[in-house]
């Protein structure tokens, strides 16, 4: 997949294997954008630090981190 086309909506689909595909609305050609993760879900300190620094400039990421932390604290 090359660069994205401005103004076109992307539809994301997940197949039976857990792979995630993207395609432009109304088109059949698709490309893989994600899939099953073969590694541990645990972050090391460097990844956590980088993620929280990135969240300072990305409101969506900050909101997701806040929600995850709140969920963890409520469950604890």
N, C-alpha and C. Protein backbone atom coordinates (compact mmCIF):
# COMPACT_ATOMS: atom_id res chain seq x y z
N UNK A 1 0.85 -1.18 0.00
CA UNK A 1 0.00 0.00 0.00
C UNK A 1 0.89 1.22 0.00
N UNK A 2 0.61 2.14 -0.87
CA UNK A 2 1.37 3.39 -0.92
C UNK A 2 0.80 4.39 0.06
N UNK A 3 0.85 5.65 -0.31
CA UNK A 3 0.32 6.68 0.58
C UNK A 3 -1.20 6.67 0.55
N UNK A 4 -1.80 7.16 1.62
CA UNK A 4 -3.25 7.18 1.71
C UNK A 4 -3.83 8.29 0.83
N UNK A 5 -5.06 8.10 0.40
CA UNK A 5 -5.72 9.06 -0.46
C UNK A 5 -6.59 9.98 0.39
N UNK A 6 -6.32 11.29 0.39
CA UNK A 6 -7.08 12.23 1.20
C UNK A 6 -8.57 12.22 0.83
N UNK A 7 -9.41 12.32 1.85
CA UNK A 7 -10.85 12.41 1.64
C UNK A 7 -11.56 11.09 1.43
N UNK A 8 -10.81 9.99 1.38
CA UNK A 8 -11.45 8.67 1.21
C UNK A 8 -11.57 8.00 2.56
N UNK A 9 -12.72 7.43 2.83
CA UNK A 9 -12.95 6.71 4.08
C UNK A 9 -12.38 5.30 3.99
N UNK A 10 -11.76 4.87 5.08
CA UNK A 10 -11.19 3.53 5.14
C UNK A 10 -12.07 2.65 6.02
N UNK A 11 -12.36 1.45 5.54
CA UNK A 11 -13.11 0.46 6.28
C UNK A 11 -12.10 -0.56 6.80
N UNK A 12 -12.18 -0.86 8.09
CA UNK A 12 -11.28 -1.85 8.69
C UNK A 12 -12.07 -3.11 8.97
N UNK A 13 -11.47 -4.26 8.63
CA UNK A 13 -12.13 -5.55 8.81
C UNK A 13 -11.17 -6.52 9.48
N UNK A 14 -11.71 -7.40 10.30
CA UNK A 14 -10.91 -8.41 10.99
C UNK A 14 -11.33 -9.78 10.49
N UNK A 15 -10.36 -10.60 10.07
CA UNK A 15 -10.70 -11.93 9.57
C UNK A 15 -10.68 -12.96 10.71
N UNK A 16 -10.95 -14.22 10.36
CA UNK A 16 -11.03 -15.29 11.35
C UNK A 16 -9.70 -15.57 12.05
N UNK A 17 -8.59 -15.20 11.43
CA UNK A 17 -7.27 -15.44 12.01
C UNK A 17 -6.84 -14.31 12.94
N UNK A 18 -7.63 -13.23 12.99
CA UNK A 18 -7.28 -12.09 13.82
C UNK A 18 -6.50 -11.02 13.10
N UNK A 19 -6.28 -11.21 11.78
CA UNK A 19 -5.59 -10.19 11.01
C UNK A 19 -6.55 -9.06 10.67
N UNK A 20 -6.04 -7.84 10.65
CA UNK A 20 -6.86 -6.66 10.39
C UNK A 20 -6.49 -6.09 9.02
N UNK A 21 -7.52 -5.82 8.22
CA UNK A 21 -7.35 -5.35 6.86
C UNK A 21 -8.02 -4.00 6.68
N UNK A 22 -7.49 -3.18 5.81
CA UNK A 22 -8.09 -1.90 5.48
C UNK A 22 -8.40 -1.86 3.99
N UNK A 23 -9.47 -1.17 3.65
CA UNK A 23 -9.81 -0.93 2.24
C UNK A 23 -10.59 0.36 2.16
N UNK A 24 -10.56 0.99 1.01
CA UNK A 24 -11.35 2.20 0.83
C UNK A 24 -12.81 1.82 0.66
N UNK A 25 -13.71 2.61 1.25
CA UNK A 25 -15.14 2.36 1.18
C UNK A 25 -15.56 2.24 -0.28
N UNK A 26 -16.30 1.19 -0.60
CA UNK A 26 -16.79 0.98 -1.96
C UNK A 26 -15.80 0.27 -2.87
N UNK A 27 -14.63 -0.08 -2.37
CA UNK A 27 -13.63 -0.77 -3.18
C UNK A 27 -13.34 -2.14 -2.57
N UNK A 28 -12.86 -3.07 -3.38
CA UNK A 28 -12.61 -4.41 -2.87
C UNK A 28 -11.14 -4.67 -2.56
N UNK A 29 -10.22 -3.93 -3.18
CA UNK A 29 -8.80 -4.12 -2.90
C UNK A 29 -8.50 -3.73 -1.46
N UNK A 30 -7.77 -4.58 -0.75
CA UNK A 30 -7.48 -4.29 0.65
C UNK A 30 -6.01 -4.54 0.96
N UNK A 31 -5.56 -4.06 2.12
CA UNK A 31 -4.19 -4.22 2.56
C UNK A 31 -4.18 -4.53 4.04
N UNK A 32 -3.20 -5.29 4.48
CA UNK A 32 -3.13 -5.67 5.88
C UNK A 32 -2.56 -4.51 6.70
N UNK A 33 -3.27 -4.19 7.79
CA UNK A 33 -2.83 -3.09 8.66
C UNK A 33 -2.46 -3.58 10.06
N UNK A 34 -2.75 -4.83 10.36
CA UNK A 34 -2.42 -5.35 11.68
C UNK A 34 -2.73 -6.83 11.75
N UNK A 35 -2.45 -7.39 12.89
CA UNK A 35 -2.72 -8.80 13.03
C UNK A 35 -2.46 -9.28 14.44
N UNK A 36 -2.41 -10.58 14.56
CA UNK A 36 -2.19 -11.17 15.86
C UNK A 36 -0.78 -10.83 16.34
N UNK A 37 -0.67 -10.63 17.62
CA UNK A 37 0.61 -10.27 18.21
C UNK A 37 1.25 -11.52 18.79
N UNK A 38 2.46 -11.80 18.40
CA UNK A 38 3.15 -13.00 18.85
C UNK A 38 4.00 -12.74 20.09
N UNK A 39 4.09 -11.49 20.53
CA UNK A 39 4.95 -11.18 21.66
C UNK A 39 4.13 -10.88 22.90
N UNK A 40 4.81 -10.70 23.99
CA UNK A 40 4.15 -10.41 25.26
C UNK A 40 3.44 -9.06 25.21
N UNK A 41 2.38 -8.94 25.98
CA UNK A 41 1.65 -7.68 26.04
C UNK A 41 2.26 -6.70 27.05
N UNK A 42 3.32 -7.12 27.74
CA UNK A 42 3.93 -6.27 28.74
C UNK A 42 4.88 -5.27 28.09
N UNK A 43 4.85 -4.04 28.58
CA UNK A 43 5.76 -3.01 28.10
C UNK A 43 6.98 -2.97 29.00
N UNK A 44 8.13 -2.71 28.42
CA UNK A 44 9.27 -2.44 29.28
C UNK A 44 9.25 -0.93 29.60
N UNK A 45 10.12 -0.51 30.49
CA UNK A 45 10.09 0.89 30.93
C UNK A 45 10.30 1.85 29.78
N UNK A 46 11.21 1.54 28.86
CA UNK A 46 11.50 2.43 27.74
C UNK A 46 10.26 2.61 26.85
N UNK A 47 9.52 1.53 26.59
CA UNK A 47 8.30 1.63 25.79
C UNK A 47 7.24 2.46 26.51
N UNK A 48 7.09 2.24 27.82
CA UNK A 48 6.11 3.02 28.59
C UNK A 48 6.47 4.50 28.57
N UNK A 49 7.74 4.81 28.80
CA UNK A 49 8.20 6.20 28.77
C UNK A 49 7.93 6.84 27.41
N UNK A 50 8.28 6.13 26.34
CA UNK A 50 8.06 6.67 24.99
C UNK A 50 6.58 6.88 24.72
N UNK A 51 5.75 5.94 25.16
CA UNK A 51 4.32 6.05 24.93
C UNK A 51 3.73 7.23 25.69
N UNK A 52 4.12 7.42 26.95
CA UNK A 52 3.58 8.54 27.71
C UNK A 52 4.08 9.88 27.19
N UNK A 53 5.31 9.92 26.69
CA UNK A 53 5.81 11.16 26.08
C UNK A 53 5.03 11.47 24.80
N UNK A 54 4.74 10.45 24.01
CA UNK A 54 3.96 10.64 22.79
C UNK A 54 2.54 11.12 23.13
N UNK A 55 2.00 10.62 24.24
CA UNK A 55 0.64 10.99 24.65
C UNK A 55 0.53 12.47 25.00
N UNK A 56 1.64 13.11 25.36
CA UNK A 56 1.61 14.54 25.66
C UNK A 56 1.22 15.36 24.43
N UNK A 57 1.44 14.80 23.25
CA UNK A 57 1.15 15.52 22.00
C UNK A 57 0.02 14.86 21.20
N UNK A 58 -0.57 13.81 21.76
CA UNK A 58 -1.63 13.09 21.06
C UNK A 58 -2.79 12.85 22.02
N UNK A 59 -3.85 13.68 21.93
CA UNK A 59 -4.97 13.57 22.87
C UNK A 59 -5.66 12.20 22.84
N UNK A 60 -5.72 11.56 21.68
CA UNK A 60 -6.36 10.24 21.61
C UNK A 60 -5.58 9.21 22.40
N UNK A 61 -4.26 9.22 22.25
CA UNK A 61 -3.43 8.28 22.99
C UNK A 61 -3.51 8.55 24.49
N UNK A 62 -3.49 9.82 24.87
CA UNK A 62 -3.61 10.18 26.29
C UNK A 62 -4.92 9.67 26.87
N UNK A 63 -6.00 9.84 26.13
CA UNK A 63 -7.31 9.38 26.60
C UNK A 63 -7.33 7.86 26.78
N UNK A 64 -6.73 7.12 25.83
CA UNK A 64 -6.70 5.66 25.94
C UNK A 64 -5.85 5.20 27.13
N UNK A 65 -4.73 5.86 27.36
CA UNK A 65 -3.89 5.52 28.51
C UNK A 65 -4.64 5.79 29.80
N UNK A 66 -5.30 6.96 29.87
CA UNK A 66 -6.08 7.30 31.07
C UNK A 66 -7.17 6.27 31.34
N UNK A 67 -7.87 5.84 30.28
CA UNK A 67 -8.93 4.85 30.45
C UNK A 67 -8.36 3.51 30.93
N UNK A 68 -7.23 3.10 30.36
CA UNK A 68 -6.62 1.84 30.78
C UNK A 68 -6.19 1.90 32.24
N UNK A 69 -5.57 3.01 32.64
CA UNK A 69 -5.14 3.16 34.03
C UNK A 69 -6.33 3.18 34.99
N UNK A 70 -7.39 3.89 34.61
CA UNK A 70 -8.59 3.93 35.46
C UNK A 70 -9.22 2.54 35.58
N UNK A 71 -9.29 1.80 34.48
CA UNK A 71 -9.84 0.45 34.52
C UNK A 71 -9.00 -0.44 35.42
N UNK A 72 -7.69 -0.36 35.28
CA UNK A 72 -6.79 -1.14 36.13
C UNK A 72 -7.01 -0.82 37.60
N UNK A 73 -7.08 0.47 37.92
CA UNK A 73 -7.24 0.89 39.33
C UNK A 73 -8.58 0.44 39.89
N UNK A 74 -9.63 0.50 39.07
CA UNK A 74 -10.95 0.06 39.54
C UNK A 74 -10.99 -1.46 39.78
N UNK A 75 -10.31 -2.19 38.93
CA UNK A 75 -10.29 -3.65 39.06
C UNK A 75 -9.42 -4.09 40.22
N UNK A 76 -8.39 -3.30 40.54
CA UNK A 76 -7.47 -3.65 41.60
C UNK A 76 -8.18 -3.52 42.94
